[in-house]
Every structure is written in structure tokens, then in C-alpha cells.
Protein backbone atom coordinates (compact mmCIF):
# COMPACT_ATOMS: atom_id res chain seq x y z
CA MET A 1 -47.17 71.82 -27.43
CA THR A 2 -48.16 69.02 -29.75
CA ARG A 3 -46.49 70.83 -32.65
CA VAL A 4 -43.27 71.19 -30.65
CA ILE A 5 -43.26 67.50 -29.81
CA ARG A 6 -43.82 66.54 -33.43
CA LEU A 7 -41.06 68.84 -34.62
CA SER A 8 -38.70 67.44 -31.97
CA LEU A 9 -39.48 63.89 -33.03
CA LEU A 10 -38.95 64.80 -36.68
CA LEU A 11 -35.58 66.30 -35.85
CA LEU A 12 -34.52 63.23 -33.93
CA VAL A 13 -35.69 60.91 -36.68
CA THR A 14 -33.87 62.94 -39.32
CA LEU A 15 -30.64 63.11 -37.36
CA GLY A 16 -30.82 59.48 -36.31
CA SER A 17 -31.55 58.27 -39.84
CA THR A 18 -28.77 60.41 -41.27
CA MET A 19 -26.17 59.18 -38.85
CA ALA A 20 -27.31 55.59 -39.18
CA GLY A 21 -26.79 55.96 -42.91
CA VAL A 22 -23.30 57.38 -42.41
CA THR A 23 -22.35 54.50 -40.15
CA SER A 24 -23.69 51.95 -42.60
CA LEU A 25 -21.86 53.49 -45.54
CA SER A 26 -18.56 53.92 -43.72
CA ALA A 27 -18.35 50.76 -41.64
CA GLN A 28 -20.86 48.45 -43.29
CA ASP A 29 -22.02 47.41 -39.83
CA ALA A 30 -25.21 45.48 -39.20
CA GLN A 31 -28.10 47.63 -37.98
CA PRO A 32 -27.86 48.45 -34.27
CA ARG A 33 -29.73 46.19 -31.86
CA PHE A 34 -31.25 47.68 -28.72
CA ILE A 35 -33.04 45.87 -25.90
CA VAL A 36 -35.75 47.47 -23.75
CA VAL A 37 -36.50 45.95 -20.34
CA THR A 38 -39.27 47.52 -18.27
CA HIS A 39 -41.36 46.56 -15.26
CA GLY A 40 -44.58 47.14 -17.22
CA GLN A 41 -46.27 44.58 -19.43
CA ALA A 42 -47.35 45.41 -22.97
CA SER A 43 -50.88 44.33 -22.00
CA ASP A 44 -51.03 47.31 -19.62
CA PRO A 45 -52.68 50.26 -21.45
CA PHE A 46 -49.88 52.59 -20.35
CA TRP A 47 -46.99 50.33 -21.32
CA SER A 48 -48.56 49.26 -24.60
CA VAL A 49 -48.12 52.88 -25.74
CA VAL A 50 -44.49 52.81 -24.58
CA GLN A 51 -43.91 49.72 -26.70
CA ARG A 52 -45.56 51.35 -29.70
CA GLY A 53 -43.07 54.18 -29.26
CA THR A 54 -40.13 51.80 -29.34
CA ASP A 55 -41.56 49.97 -32.34
CA ALA A 56 -42.10 53.23 -34.24
CA ALA A 57 -38.55 54.36 -33.52
CA ALA A 58 -37.19 51.03 -34.71
CA GLN A 59 -39.08 51.35 -37.99
CA ASP A 60 -38.23 55.03 -38.50
CA LEU A 61 -34.52 54.62 -37.73
CA GLY A 62 -33.88 51.20 -39.27
CA VAL A 63 -32.71 49.58 -36.04
CA THR A 64 -33.69 46.40 -34.20
CA VAL A 65 -35.50 46.77 -30.89
CA GLU A 66 -36.50 43.94 -28.55
CA TYR A 67 -39.06 44.82 -25.84
CA GLN A 68 -39.10 42.62 -22.73
CA ALA A 69 -40.89 42.70 -19.38
CA PRO A 70 -41.67 40.20 -16.62
CA SER A 71 -45.18 38.75 -16.71
CA THR A 72 -45.97 40.48 -13.39
CA TYR A 73 -44.38 43.19 -11.28
CA ASP A 74 -41.39 41.07 -10.25
CA MET A 75 -37.97 42.63 -9.60
CA VAL A 76 -36.14 39.28 -9.48
CA ALA A 77 -37.51 38.35 -12.89
CA MET A 78 -36.74 41.83 -14.22
CA SER A 79 -33.13 41.70 -13.03
CA GLN A 80 -32.77 38.34 -14.73
CA LEU A 81 -34.07 39.82 -17.97
CA ILE A 82 -31.51 42.63 -17.72
CA ASP A 83 -28.72 40.13 -17.05
CA ALA A 84 -29.76 38.06 -20.07
CA ALA A 85 -29.87 41.19 -22.19
CA VAL A 86 -26.36 42.17 -21.09
CA ALA A 87 -25.09 38.68 -21.89
CA SER A 88 -26.42 39.01 -25.44
CA GLN A 89 -24.22 42.11 -25.94
CA PRO A 90 -26.70 44.57 -27.47
CA ASP A 91 -25.58 47.92 -28.84
CA GLY A 92 -27.65 49.66 -26.17
CA LEU A 93 -30.04 49.02 -23.30
CA VAL A 94 -33.16 50.85 -22.13
CA VAL A 95 -34.47 50.10 -18.63
CA SER A 96 -37.01 51.37 -16.15
CA ILE A 97 -35.79 51.50 -12.53
CA PRO A 98 -38.74 51.10 -10.15
CA ASP A 99 -36.53 49.50 -7.47
CA ALA A 100 -32.93 50.72 -7.54
CA GLU A 101 -31.78 48.36 -4.78
CA ALA A 102 -32.99 45.29 -6.67
CA LEU A 103 -31.94 46.37 -10.16
CA SER A 104 -28.73 48.36 -9.64
CA PRO A 105 -26.36 45.35 -9.77
CA SER A 106 -27.74 44.26 -13.13
CA ILE A 107 -27.64 47.80 -14.55
CA GLN A 108 -24.09 48.20 -13.24
CA ARG A 109 -23.07 45.03 -15.07
CA ALA A 110 -24.35 46.60 -18.29
CA THR A 111 -22.39 49.82 -17.85
CA ASP A 112 -19.28 47.89 -16.75
CA ALA A 113 -19.55 45.91 -19.98
CA GLY A 114 -19.50 49.14 -21.96
CA ILE A 115 -23.15 48.92 -22.98
CA PRO A 116 -24.77 52.39 -23.14
CA VAL A 117 -27.86 52.54 -20.93
CA ILE A 118 -30.78 54.94 -20.93
CA SER A 119 -33.45 54.75 -18.25
CA ILE A 120 -37.11 55.61 -18.66
CA ASN A 121 -40.19 56.18 -16.52
CA SER A 122 -38.95 55.27 -13.03
CA GLY A 123 -35.50 56.04 -11.68
CA SER A 124 -34.81 59.71 -12.40
CA GLU A 125 -33.28 60.18 -8.93
CA VAL A 126 -30.74 57.31 -9.25
CA ALA A 127 -30.00 57.11 -12.98
CA GLU A 128 -26.96 59.38 -13.04
CA ALA A 129 -25.29 57.60 -10.14
CA LEU A 130 -25.69 54.28 -11.97
CA GLY A 131 -23.83 55.57 -15.03
CA VAL A 132 -26.96 55.90 -17.16
CA LEU A 133 -26.52 58.28 -20.10
CA THR A 134 -29.80 60.06 -19.45
CA HIS A 135 -33.24 59.46 -17.98
CA VAL A 136 -36.32 60.00 -20.13
CA GLY A 137 -39.41 60.68 -18.08
CA GLN A 138 -40.60 62.98 -15.35
CA THR A 139 -39.47 63.74 -11.82
CA GLU A 140 -42.13 61.88 -9.90
CA ARG A 141 -42.15 63.98 -6.74
CA GLU A 142 -42.66 67.17 -8.73
CA ALA A 143 -45.52 65.55 -10.62
CA GLY A 144 -47.10 64.48 -7.32
CA VAL A 145 -46.88 68.02 -5.97
CA GLY A 146 -48.61 69.35 -9.07
CA GLY A 147 -51.39 66.79 -8.71
CA GLY A 148 -51.86 67.57 -5.03
CA GLU A 149 -52.08 71.29 -5.69
CA ARG A 150 -54.78 70.74 -8.31
CA LEU A 151 -56.90 68.47 -6.15
CA ALA A 152 -56.57 70.88 -3.22
CA GLU A 153 -57.71 73.72 -5.49
CA ALA A 154 -60.74 71.58 -6.41
CA GLY A 155 -61.74 71.42 -2.75
CA VAL A 156 -60.30 68.06 -1.72
CA THR A 157 -59.34 68.12 1.95
CA ASN A 158 -59.04 64.47 3.01
CA SER A 159 -57.87 61.94 0.49
CA ILE A 160 -56.45 58.55 -0.35
CA CYS A 161 -53.19 58.04 -2.20
CA LEU A 162 -53.73 54.71 -3.96
CA ILE A 163 -50.59 52.62 -4.45
CA HIS A 164 -51.01 49.74 -6.89
CA GLU A 165 -47.42 48.37 -6.87
CA ALA A 166 -45.92 47.93 -3.42
CA GLY A 167 -42.21 48.74 -3.36
CA ASN A 168 -42.21 50.81 -6.56
CA ALA A 169 -39.97 53.76 -5.69
CA GLY A 170 -41.47 55.90 -8.43
CA LEU A 171 -44.97 55.47 -7.00
CA GLU A 172 -43.67 56.23 -3.53
CA GLU A 173 -42.18 59.49 -4.85
CA ARG A 174 -45.49 60.38 -6.50
CA CYS A 175 -47.34 59.80 -3.25
CA ALA A 176 -44.75 61.76 -1.26
CA GLY A 177 -45.08 64.77 -3.56
CA TYR A 178 -48.87 64.53 -3.49
CA THR A 179 -48.88 64.32 0.31
CA GLU A 180 -46.51 67.30 0.54
CA ALA A 181 -48.85 69.47 -1.52
CA MET A 182 -52.03 68.34 0.19
CA THR A 183 -50.51 68.83 3.64
CA ALA A 184 -49.33 72.31 2.70
CA ALA A 185 -52.92 73.12 1.71
CA GLY A 186 -54.19 71.92 5.10
CA GLY A 187 -55.43 68.53 3.94
CA THR A 188 -54.73 64.96 5.01
CA VAL A 189 -53.64 61.91 3.01
CA GLU A 190 -54.12 58.22 3.79
CA GLN A 191 -52.04 55.70 1.84
CA LEU A 192 -53.81 52.58 0.61
CA VAL A 193 -51.98 49.70 -1.09
CA VAL A 194 -54.01 47.38 -3.34
CA ASP A 195 -53.11 44.25 -5.30
CA LEU A 196 -54.26 44.55 -8.90
CA ASN A 197 -53.78 40.84 -9.47
CA ASN A 198 -57.22 40.68 -7.81
CA PRO A 199 -59.19 43.68 -9.18
CA THR A 200 -62.38 42.72 -7.33
CA GLU A 201 -60.60 42.68 -3.99
CA ALA A 202 -58.90 45.99 -4.86
CA THR A 203 -62.27 47.60 -5.52
CA GLN A 204 -63.66 46.21 -2.26
CA ARG A 205 -60.70 47.52 -0.26
CA ILE A 206 -61.11 51.02 -1.69
CA GLN A 207 -64.85 50.95 -1.03
CA ALA A 208 -64.21 49.82 2.54
CA ALA A 209 -61.77 52.68 3.07
CA LEU A 210 -64.39 55.16 1.87
CA SER A 211 -67.01 53.65 4.17
CA ALA A 212 -64.63 53.70 7.14
CA ASN A 213 -63.90 57.41 6.82
CA ALA A 214 -66.76 59.63 5.69
CA GLU A 215 -64.40 62.62 5.61
CA ILE A 216 -62.56 61.31 2.55
CA ASN A 217 -63.50 63.41 -0.46
CA GLY A 218 -60.71 62.66 -2.88
CA ILE A 219 -58.58 59.86 -4.36
CA MET A 220 -55.27 60.18 -6.19
CA ALA A 221 -54.62 57.01 -8.16
CA LEU A 222 -50.99 56.50 -9.18
CA GLY A 223 -51.83 54.84 -12.49
CA PRO A 224 -54.73 53.87 -14.76
CA THR A 225 -54.85 50.29 -13.53
CA GLY A 226 -55.49 51.65 -10.04
CA ALA A 227 -57.84 54.37 -11.23
CA VAL A 228 -60.36 51.92 -12.70
CA PRO A 229 -61.12 50.01 -9.46
CA ALA A 230 -61.11 53.35 -7.62
CA MET A 231 -63.83 54.70 -9.92
CA GLN A 232 -65.78 51.50 -9.48
CA ALA A 233 -65.49 51.77 -5.71
CA ILE A 234 -66.69 55.38 -5.72
CA GLU A 235 -69.71 54.40 -7.81
CA ALA A 236 -70.47 51.35 -5.66
CA ALA A 237 -70.31 53.52 -2.56
CA GLY A 238 -72.79 55.96 -4.11
CA GLN A 239 -70.27 58.79 -3.87
CA THR A 240 -69.87 59.79 -7.53
CA GLY A 241 -69.51 63.55 -7.54
CA THR A 242 -68.84 63.62 -3.80
CA VAL A 243 -65.44 61.93 -3.88
CA GLN A 244 -63.21 63.57 -6.50
CA ILE A 245 -60.67 61.42 -8.33
CA ALA A 246 -57.57 62.08 -10.41
CA THR A 247 -54.83 59.81 -11.66
CA PHE A 248 -51.36 59.62 -13.04
CA ASP A 249 -51.07 58.46 -16.66
CA LEU A 250 -53.54 57.81 -19.42
CA SER A 251 -55.74 54.99 -20.67
CA PRO A 252 -58.97 54.87 -22.70
CA GLU A 253 -60.99 54.46 -19.49
CA VAL A 254 -59.27 57.42 -17.86
CA LEU A 255 -59.79 59.68 -20.86
CA GLN A 256 -63.45 58.68 -21.10
CA ALA A 257 -63.93 59.45 -17.41
CA ILE A 258 -62.42 62.91 -17.86
CA GLN A 259 -64.65 63.53 -20.86
CA ASP A 260 -67.70 62.34 -18.90
CA GLY A 261 -66.83 64.56 -15.95
CA THR A 262 -66.36 61.73 -13.45
CA MET A 263 -62.58 62.33 -13.19
CA LEU A 264 -60.96 65.73 -12.71
CA PHE A 265 -57.67 65.23 -14.54
CA ALA A 266 -54.83 62.89 -15.42
CA ILE A 267 -51.15 63.67 -15.00
CA ASP A 268 -49.57 62.98 -18.37
CA GLN A 269 -45.93 61.95 -18.72
CA GLN A 270 -46.28 61.24 -22.46
CA GLN A 271 -45.24 57.60 -22.38
CA TYR A 272 -44.99 57.35 -26.17
CA LEU A 273 -41.99 59.65 -25.93
CA GLN A 274 -40.52 57.38 -23.24
CA GLY A 275 -40.55 54.57 -25.80
CA TYR A 276 -39.48 56.56 -28.85
CA LEU A 277 -36.84 58.98 -27.58
CA PRO A 278 -34.46 56.48 -25.88
CA ILE A 279 -34.12 54.52 -29.13
CA ALA A 280 -33.40 57.72 -31.08
CA LEU A 281 -30.89 58.84 -28.44
CA LEU A 282 -29.13 55.47 -28.34
CA ASN A 283 -28.94 55.42 -32.13
CA LEU A 284 -27.32 58.86 -32.14
CA TYR A 285 -24.94 57.79 -29.39
CA VAL A 286 -23.69 54.59 -31.03
CA SER A 287 -23.46 56.15 -34.50
CA ASN A 288 -22.10 59.60 -33.65
CA ALA A 289 -21.28 59.71 -29.90
CA ASN A 290 -24.04 62.29 -29.34
CA THR A 291 -25.29 62.84 -25.80
CA ILE A 292 -27.57 65.45 -24.27
CA ALA A 293 -26.40 67.73 -21.48
CA ASN A 294 -29.22 67.23 -18.98
CA PRO A 295 -29.33 64.09 -16.82
CA VAL A 296 -33.16 64.01 -17.14
CA LEU A 297 -35.02 64.62 -20.39
CA MET A 298 -38.44 65.68 -19.14
CA THR A 299 -41.54 64.28 -20.88
CA GLY A 300 -43.89 65.47 -18.13
CA PRO A 301 -45.76 66.36 -16.11
CA GLY A 302 -48.56 67.71 -18.21
CA PHE A 303 -52.24 67.64 -17.34
CA VAL A 304 -55.15 66.26 -19.35
CA THR A 305 -58.36 68.00 -18.32
CA ALA A 306 -61.84 68.56 -19.69
CA GLU A 307 -60.37 71.40 -21.75
CA ASN A 308 -57.94 69.29 -23.81
CA VAL A 309 -59.19 65.71 -23.44
CA ASP A 310 -60.94 65.60 -26.82
CA GLU A 311 -57.69 66.19 -28.70
CA VAL A 312 -55.90 63.53 -26.66
CA ILE A 313 -58.70 61.02 -27.27
CA ASP A 314 -58.33 61.55 -31.00
CA LEU A 315 -54.63 60.69 -30.71
CA THR A 316 -55.29 57.51 -28.74
CA ALA A 317 -56.90 56.09 -31.87
CA GLU A 318 -53.43 56.25 -33.40
CA GLY A 319 -51.95 54.43 -30.40
CA THR A 320 -49.60 57.28 -29.52
CA ARG A 321 -51.24 58.63 -26.34
């Protein structure tokens, strides 16, 4: 799988570089400028890898990429960033769409202005309707189903679905898929929303939920920033090994927990590809009018488990996982 990904990236780099060269030689245009606006900050361990993907693509392809995000999960601020990006008339725009209702008007203004848009991470279910060229990511509900099936197979019967960003449609889809699979297996799911702006309070809320229901024997975190306080809560409650935990997405803490045996698995959507591939695809589009046929270019879900975690940890040292 890793070899296939590397070969695919090499092909995209080669094609993108070739076509960029043709454009430069024939039209003597300045290098393309693309803007990336996401809901995730570069300080987040997940999104920092996304940004490294965009930076690597910019360097490999000889294009300019500007990465922007609100300082917190704030849809008003994010829509303003998209509007400002559109006003600057970039050659292409990459956006995540965690809240279609809040962000659709800004994205529509971009497509109305003739700016090609590719979405990443959140928004697979609405991207095509918004005129987005393609969505790079995973279908969140399908990923949630896969995670629920795995936890059910591990013996989890009553669990918490931990939501760390209220109103994020992608997280809601993950939780819906997870609940669907757990319910089909005869289990129950309780949703718990926590505010990660106060990690201590988040840990206390999770611990309180565990204490209030002794039947809970599993937690599905919807991201690494939620997984960390969940692991702390399990330990503080003295239930390590009794309450199983899994998460979406990767971070050093998550990978270490899988290696140590305190976490079952992580659902991997390969966020480096979500940073790299949109830039390569936009470069091909503006230089040669290339598009791909599928509305969603799937980067996940994959699963990092005890069997393959060592290889993934080695790659995190390079900042690409």
C-alpha cells in the first residue's frame, strides 16, 4: 500500500511538473498561486501533517501555496478567510467543509468567480453540489461503520462516541456510522460532547461519564485531540484495559498508545495526501485542464493497529504521517 501511494505521488509530481513547465514555456506566466483554507490549525498534530503535505507539493511542483485557518474552530472566521482568499483572485482554492450551511455561500462565491475549488477532509457529501472539482478524503460515515465493526468485534458492547467539535458535520457523520455499526452488533452508544479549549474539564467530563455508567466498556474518539483526554480519563478512573479505546486519525500520542497496547486502533485517512494531492490536482487543472472522473478521491479509511504501527511511527519522524 505504501509503495502504491509513493508511486501515485511520483506520477502526480512528474505530470504536474511537466505541465507546469509547458505552461511556463508557452505562456511565460507567473507560477500558480493556490490558497488552502481549513478549519484545523497547523498546531494540531493532524493538521500540521496536512500543511506539510501542501508545503511539499508547493516545493515539488514549483507553485505558491498559502495555508490559512482560524485560530479556533470558528465558522464565521473561516468563511471570512475564504472570502478574503476569493477577493485575492488565486489560481485555485482548497477548502475543508465541516459546516456546509455556514461555508457554502463563500465557496459558491469562489466557483461563481471562476476559481477552481477542491475540498478536503470534511464535506464529501456536499462537495459536488457546491461545484467543487473533487473531494480528497474519506466518506466519514463509511469510516465510522468500519470503526464500529472493529470495536464490536473486540467485545465492546456499550460505548461513548466522543465529539470534540460541536457542529462539525464530518464528526457527526463519523458518529452516525459508528452508532449504526454498534447498534447492528447489539451494542449501545452514548454521545458526549467536550470542549477541548479546556482539556482538564474535557478529561473530567469523560471520567464522570465512565463513573455514571459502569456498563460502558468502550470509547470511540473522533480525533487525536479528543483521544488524549479520553485516555487520561480512562487511566484516572482506573479502567485501563477494561474500557477499550480507538480513535480517528493519527498523532504521536495515538501511535504510542497503539504500540503500548492501551489503544486498539486508529482510523487513518492519510492526511498528508489531503494536503499534497489537491495542490497537484489544481496544478494539473490550471495548466492542462485535467480532472479526475470520481467526485471523491478516497484517501481512507485505513486502520493502524499493533500489526503495522511500527512502520507508521517510523514515517512520523519524516512528518508525513
